[in-house]
Amino acid sequence: MNTFFNLIILCLIISFIAVWGYAIYDVIRAKFKSKNIKITWTVLIFCLPVSVIFYFQYKKELIK
């Protein structure tokens, strides 16, 4: 039973790392309205990985 929960936690961690990596890739490749917004989101995603959720919610408003 304990192994099952460890497996679930491992899957959650791996999926969060994958989403975090995709967000970093997307911020680097996207064309934002201004360069300051791009720098801000890059720093936020690196320092506060939870900000990935907010990035994907507001992505359409930030990109040209």
PDB file of N, CA and C in Angstrom:
ATOM      1  N   MET A   1       0.820  -1.191   0.000  1.00  0.00           N
ATOM      2  CA  MET A   1       0.000   0.000   0.000  1.00  0.00           C
ATOM      3  C   MET A   1       0.867   1.260   0.000  1.00  0.00           C
ATOM      4  N   ASN A   2       1.920   1.247   0.758  1.00  0.00           N
ATOM      5  CA  ASN A   2       2.815   2.392   0.820  1.00  0.00           C
ATOM      6  C   ASN A   2       3.517   2.612  -0.519  1.00  0.00           C
ATOM      7  N   THR A   3       3.830   1.547  -1.207  1.00  0.00           N
ATOM      8  CA  THR A   3       4.477   1.655  -2.508  1.00  0.00           C
ATOM      9  C   THR A   3       3.550   2.308  -3.527  1.00  0.00           C
ATOM     10  N   PHE A   4       2.260   2.019  -3.427  1.00  0.00           N
ATOM     11  CA  PHE A   4       1.282   2.601  -4.334  1.00  0.00           C
ATOM     12  C   PHE A   4       1.247   4.125  -4.200  1.00  0.00           C
ATOM     13  N   PHE A   5       1.234   4.617  -2.966  1.00  0.00           N
ATOM     14  CA  PHE A   5       1.217   6.064  -2.744  1.00  0.00           C
ATOM     15  C   PHE A   5       2.524   6.708  -3.199  1.00  0.00           C
ATOM     16  N   ASN A   6       3.625   6.016  -3.001  1.00  0.00           N
ATOM     17  CA  ASN A   6       4.907   6.532  -3.484  1.00  0.00           C
ATOM     18  C   ASN A   6       4.912   6.642  -5.003  1.00  0.00           C
ATOM     19  N   LEU A   7       4.297   5.689  -5.670  1.00  0.00           N
ATOM     20  CA  LEU A   7       4.212   5.703  -7.129  1.00  0.00           C
ATOM     21  C   LEU A   7       3.339   6.861  -7.612  1.00  0.00           C
ATOM     22  N   ILE A   8       2.247   7.106  -6.925  1.00  0.00           N
ATOM     23  CA  ILE A   8       1.371   8.221  -7.288  1.00  0.00           C
ATOM     24  C   ILE A   8       2.096   9.553  -7.101  1.00  0.00           C
ATOM     25  N   ILE A   9       2.790   9.698  -5.989  1.00  0.00           N
ATOM     26  CA  ILE A   9       3.542  10.929  -5.738  1.00  0.00           C
ATOM     27  C   ILE A   9       4.634  11.112  -6.788  1.00  0.00           C
ATOM     28  N   LEU A  10       5.313  10.044  -7.144  1.00  0.00           N
ATOM     29  CA  LEU A  10       6.348  10.113  -8.178  1.00  0.00           C
ATOM     30  C   LEU A  10       5.754  10.548  -9.513  1.00  0.00           C
ATOM     31  N   CYS A  11       4.600  10.012  -9.878  1.00  0.00           N
ATOM     32  CA  CYS A  11       3.941  10.398 -11.135  1.00  0.00           C
ATOM     33  C   CYS A  11       3.534  11.871 -11.115  1.00  0.00           C
ATOM     34  N   LEU A  12       3.047  12.341  -9.982  1.00  0.00           N
ATOM     35  CA  LEU A  12       2.673  13.752  -9.870  1.00  0.00           C
ATOM     36  C   LEU A  12       3.895  14.659  -9.996  1.00  0.00           C
ATOM     37  N   ILE A  13       4.983  14.279  -9.383  1.00  0.00           N
ATOM     38  CA  ILE A  13       6.208  15.076  -9.467  1.00  0.00           C
ATOM     39  C   ILE A  13       6.736  15.109 -10.894  1.00  0.00           C
ATOM     40  N   ILE A  14       6.751  13.969 -11.552  1.00  0.00           N
ATOM     41  CA  ILE A  14       7.242  13.908 -12.932  1.00  0.00           C
ATOM     42  C   ILE A  14       6.348  14.725 -13.862  1.00  0.00           C
ATOM     43  N   SER A  15       5.033  14.646 -13.679  1.00  0.00           N
ATOM     44  CA  SER A  15       4.144  15.428 -14.551  1.00  0.00           C
ATOM     45  C   SER A  15       4.292  16.924 -14.292  1.00  0.00           C
ATOM     46  N   PHE A  16       4.500  17.329 -13.031  1.00  0.00           N
ATOM     47  CA  PHE A  16       4.698  18.753 -12.748  1.00  0.00           C
ATOM     48  C   PHE A  16       6.001  19.249 -13.359  1.00  0.00           C
ATOM     49  N   ILE A  17       7.056  18.440 -13.307  1.00  0.00           N
ATOM     50  CA  ILE A  17       8.324  18.818 -13.928  1.00  0.00           C
ATOM     51  C   ILE A  17       8.157  18.948 -15.443  1.00  0.00           C
ATOM     52  N   ALA A  18       7.371  18.065 -16.043  1.00  0.00           N
ATOM     53  CA  ALA A  18       7.136  18.146 -17.488  1.00  0.00           C
ATOM     54  C   ALA A  18       6.378  19.427 -17.849  1.00  0.00           C
ATOM     55  N   VAL A  19       5.358  19.776 -17.072  1.00  0.00           N
ATOM     56  CA  VAL A  19       4.598  20.999 -17.328  1.00  0.00           C
ATOM     57  C   VAL A  19       5.479  22.221 -17.112  1.00  0.00           C
ATOM     58  N   TRP A  20       6.305  22.197 -16.076  1.00  0.00           N
ATOM     59  CA  TRP A  20       7.224  23.294 -15.784  1.00  0.00           C
ATOM     60  C   TRP A  20       8.222  23.476 -16.935  1.00  0.00           C
ATOM     61  N   GLY A  21       8.761  22.379 -17.439  1.00  0.00           N
ATOM     62  CA  GLY A  21       9.682  22.447 -18.570  1.00  0.00           C
ATOM     63  C   GLY A  21       9.011  22.982 -19.821  1.00  0.00           C
ATOM     64  N   TYR A  22       7.782  22.563 -20.062  1.00  0.00           N
ATOM     65  CA  TYR A  22       7.061  23.075 -21.225  1.00  0.00           C
ATOM     66  C   TYR A  22       6.788  24.564 -21.087  1.00  0.00           C
ATOM     67  N   ALA A  23       6.477  25.017 -19.882  1.00  0.00           N
ATOM     68  CA  ALA A  23       6.230  26.443 -19.663  1.00  0.00           C
ATOM     69  C   ALA A  23       7.490  27.259 -19.930  1.00  0.00           C
ATOM     70  N   ILE A  24       8.618  26.772 -19.486  1.00  0.00           N
ATOM     71  CA  ILE A  24       9.889  27.470 -19.750  1.00  0.00           C
ATOM     72  C   ILE A  24      10.136  27.537 -21.256  1.00  0.00           C
ATOM     73  N   TYR A  25       9.948  26.434 -21.933  1.00  0.00           N
ATOM     74  CA  TYR A  25      10.123  26.398 -23.385  1.00  0.00           C
ATOM     75  C   TYR A  25       9.162  27.367 -24.070  1.00  0.00           C
ATOM     76  N   ASP A  26       7.919  27.387 -23.627  1.00  0.00           N
ATOM     77  CA  ASP A  26       6.915  28.244 -24.245  1.00  0.00           C
ATOM     78  C   ASP A  26       7.214  29.724 -24.012  1.00  0.00           C
ATOM     79  N   VAL A  27       7.676  30.081 -22.833  1.00  0.00           N
ATOM     80  CA  VAL A  27       8.017  31.482 -22.560  1.00  0.00           C
ATOM     81  C   VAL A  27       9.193  31.913 -23.429  1.00  0.00           C
ATOM     82  N   ILE A  28      10.164  31.054 -23.595  1.00  0.00           N
ATOM     83  CA  ILE A  28      11.336  31.405 -24.394  1.00  0.00           C
ATOM     84  C   ILE A  28      10.969  31.558 -25.869  1.00  0.00           C
ATOM     85  N   ARG A  29      10.079  30.732 -26.369  1.00  0.00           N
ATOM     86  CA  ARG A  29       9.732  30.754 -27.791  1.00  0.00           C
ATOM     87  C   ARG A  29       8.645  31.770 -28.154  1.00  0.00           C
ATOM     88  N   ALA A  30       7.811  32.193 -27.209  1.00  0.00           N
ATOM     89  CA  ALA A  30       6.663  33.053 -27.506  1.00  0.00           C
ATOM     90  C   ALA A  30       7.102  34.494 -27.758  1.00  0.00           C
ATOM     91  N   LYS A  31       6.291  35.191 -28.549  1.00  0.00           N
ATOM     92  CA  LYS A  31       6.530  36.609 -28.820  1.00  0.00           C
ATOM     93  C   LYS A  31       5.532  37.413 -27.987  1.00  0.00           C
ATOM     94  N   PHE A  32       6.029  38.050 -26.960  1.00  0.00           N
ATOM     95  CA  PHE A  32       5.187  38.817 -26.048  1.00  0.00           C
ATOM     96  C   PHE A  32       5.003  40.236 -26.567  1.00  0.00           C
ATOM     97  N   LYS A  33       4.042  40.943 -25.959  1.00  0.00           N
ATOM     98  CA  LYS A  33       3.779  42.330 -26.340  1.00  0.00           C
ATOM     99  C   LYS A  33       4.966  43.225 -26.010  1.00  0.00           C
ATOM    100  N   SER A  34       5.658  42.919 -24.918  1.00  0.00           N
ATOM    101  CA  SER A  34       6.865  43.678 -24.594  1.00  0.00           C
ATOM    102  C   SER A  34       7.914  42.738 -24.015  1.00  0.00           C
ATOM    103  N   LYS A  35       9.158  43.165 -24.105  1.00  0.00           N
ATOM    104  CA  LYS A  35      10.253  42.341 -23.613  1.00  0.00           C
ATOM    105  C   LYS A  35      10.231  42.239 -22.088  1.00  0.00           C
ATOM    106  N   ASN A  36       9.735  43.287 -21.423  1.00  0.00           N
ATOM    107  CA  ASN A  36       9.664  43.260 -19.963  1.00  0.00           C
ATOM    108  C   ASN A  36       8.718  42.175 -19.455  1.00  0.00           C
ATOM    109  N   ILE A  37       7.637  41.953 -20.167  1.00  0.00           N
ATOM    110  CA  ILE A  37       6.699  40.894 -19.773  1.00  0.00           C
ATOM    111  C   ILE A  37       7.370  39.530 -19.901  1.00  0.00           C
ATOM    112  N   LYS A  38       8.132  39.341 -20.959  1.00  0.00           N
ATOM    113  CA  LYS A  38       8.823  38.070 -21.161  1.00  0.00           C
ATOM    114  C   LYS A  38       9.835  37.824 -20.046  1.00  0.00           C
ATOM    115  N   ILE A  39      10.587  38.837 -19.696  1.00  0.00           N
ATOM    116  CA  ILE A  39      11.576  38.703 -18.615  1.00  0.00           C
ATOM    117  C   ILE A  39      10.879  38.414 -17.292  1.00  0.00           C
ATOM    118  N   THR A  40       9.782  39.107 -17.039  1.00  0.00           N
ATOM    119  CA  THR A  40       9.039  38.903 -15.796  1.00  0.00           C
ATOM    120  C   THR A  40       8.535  37.471 -15.678  1.00  0.00           C
ATOM    121  N   TRP A  41       7.930  36.948 -16.738  1.00  0.00           N
ATOM    122  CA  TRP A  41       7.419  35.583 -16.686  1.00  0.00           C
ATOM    123  C   TRP A  41       8.538  34.553 -16.601  1.00  0.00           C
ATOM    124  N   THR A  42       9.645  34.807 -17.250  1.00  0.00           N
ATOM    125  CA  THR A  42      10.777  33.886 -17.148  1.00  0.00           C
ATOM    126  C   THR A  42      11.281  33.809 -15.712  1.00  0.00           C
ATOM    127  N   VAL A  43      11.442  34.950 -15.082  1.00  0.00           N
ATOM    128  CA  VAL A  43      11.906  34.969 -13.683  1.00  0.00           C
ATOM    129  C   VAL A  43      10.872  34.319 -12.764  1.00  0.00           C
ATOM    130  N   LEU A  44       9.595  34.619 -12.981  1.00  0.00           N
ATOM    131  CA  LEU A  44       8.549  34.027 -12.144  1.00  0.00           C
ATOM    132  C   LEU A  44       8.526  32.511 -12.244  1.00  0.00           C
ATOM    133  N   ILE A  45       8.639  31.997 -13.447  1.00  0.00           N
ATOM    134  CA  ILE A  45       8.575  30.546 -13.625  1.00  0.00           C
ATOM    135  C   ILE A  45       9.807  29.869 -13.037  1.00  0.00           C
ATOM    136  N   PHE A  46      10.959  30.490 -13.143  1.00  0.00           N
ATOM    137  CA  PHE A  46      12.150  29.899 -12.546  1.00  0.00           C
ATOM    138  C   PHE A  46      12.120  29.967 -11.017  1.00  0.00           C
ATOM    139  N   CYS A  47      11.669  31.076 -10.461  1.00  0.00           N
ATOM    140  CA  CYS A  47      11.707  31.261  -9.001  1.00  0.00           C
ATOM    141  C   CYS A  47      10.479  30.686  -8.295  1.00  0.00           C
ATOM    142  N   LEU A  48       9.333  30.802  -8.919  1.00  0.00           N
ATOM    143  CA  LEU A  48       8.084  30.295  -8.343  1.00  0.00           C
ATOM    144  C   LEU A  48       7.419  29.339  -9.334  1.00  0.00           C
ATOM    145  N   PRO A  49       7.753  28.069  -9.280  1.00  0.00           N
ATOM    146  CA  PRO A  49       7.187  27.123 -10.255  1.00  0.00           C
ATOM    147  C   PRO A  49       5.657  27.062 -10.254  1.00  0.00           C
ATOM    148  N   VAL A  50       5.009  27.486  -9.179  1.00  0.00           N
ATOM    149  CA  VAL A  50       3.548  27.487  -9.132  1.00  0.00           C
ATOM    150  C   VAL A  50       2.968  28.502 -10.120  1.00  0.00           C
ATOM    151  N   SER A  51       3.762  29.498 -10.490  1.00  0.00           N
ATOM    152  CA  SER A  51       3.290  30.510 -11.431  1.00  0.00           C
ATOM    153  C   SER A  51       3.032  29.934 -12.823  1.00  0.00           C
ATOM    154  N   VAL A  52       3.434  28.708 -13.068  1.00  0.00           N
ATOM    155  CA  VAL A  52       3.155  28.044 -14.347  1.00  0.00           C
ATOM    156  C   VAL A  52       1.643  27.995 -14.573  1.00  0.00           C
ATOM    157  N   ILE A  53       0.895  27.747 -13.521  1.00  0.00           N
ATOM    158  CA  ILE A  53      -0.570  27.676 -13.623  1.00  0.00           C
ATOM    159  C   ILE A  53      -1.124  29.008 -14.115  1.00  0.00           C
ATOM    160  N   PHE A  54      -0.652  30.108 -13.540  1.00  0.00           N
ATOM    161  CA  PHE A  54      -1.133  31.426 -13.939  1.00  0.00           C
ATOM    162  C   PHE A  54      -0.682  31.775 -15.350  1.00  0.00           C
ATOM    163  N   TYR A  55       0.504  31.340 -15.718  1.00  0.00           N
ATOM    164  CA  TYR A  55       1.001  31.627 -17.067  1.00  0.00           C
ATOM    165  C   TYR A  55       0.078  31.022 -18.115  1.00  0.00           C
ATOM    166  N   PHE A  56      -0.299  29.769 -17.939  1.00  0.00           N
ATOM    167  CA  PHE A  56      -1.157  29.126 -18.930  1.00  0.00           C
ATOM    168  C   PHE A  56      -2.557  29.719 -18.947  1.00  0.00           C
ATOM    169  N   GLN A  57      -3.022  30.292 -17.828  1.00  0.00           N
ATOM    170  CA  GLN A  57      -4.335  30.929 -17.805  1.00  0.00           C
ATOM    171  C   GLN A  57      -4.328  32.262 -18.556  1.00  0.00           C
ATOM    172  N   TYR A  58      -3.258  33.035 -18.427  1.00  0.00           N
ATOM    173  CA  TYR A  58      -3.183  34.374 -19.023  1.00  0.00           C
ATOM    174  C   TYR A  58      -2.358  34.426 -20.308  1.00  0.00           C
ATOM    175  N   LYS A  59      -2.005  33.296 -20.832  1.00  0.00           N
ATOM    176  CA  LYS A  59      -1.120  33.226 -22.000  1.00  0.00           C
ATOM    177  C   LYS A  59      -1.683  33.988 -23.203  1.00  0.00           C
ATOM    178  N   LYS A  60      -2.948  33.855 -23.477  1.00  0.00           N
ATOM    179  CA  LYS A  60      -3.548  34.494 -24.658  1.00  0.00           C
ATOM    180  C   LYS A  60      -3.528  36.011 -24.551  1.00  0.00           C
ATOM    181  N   GLU A  61      -3.615  36.533 -23.344  1.00  0.00           N
ATOM    182  CA  GLU A  61      -3.595  37.983 -23.159  1.00  0.00           C
ATOM    183  C   GLU A  61      -2.192  38.563 -23.261  1.00  0.00           C
ATOM    184  N   LEU A  62      -1.177  37.758 -23.024  1.00  0.00           N
ATOM    185  CA  LEU A  62       0.186  38.247 -22.979  1.00  0.00           C
ATOM    186  C   LEU A  62       0.895  38.228 -24.324  1.00  0.00           C
ATOM    187  N   ILE A  63       0.485  37.318 -25.175  1.00  0.00           N
ATOM    188  CA  ILE A  63       1.176  37.132 -26.460  1.00  0.00           C
ATOM    189  C   ILE A  63       0.500  37.974 -27.537  1.00  0.00           C
ATOM    190  N   LYS A  64       1.313  38.443 -28.483  1.00  0.00           N
ATOM    191  CA  LYS A  64       0.807  39.274 -29.592  1.00  0.00           C
ATOM    192  C   LYS A  64      -0.287  38.600 -30.374  1.00  0.00           C
TER     193      LYS A  64
END
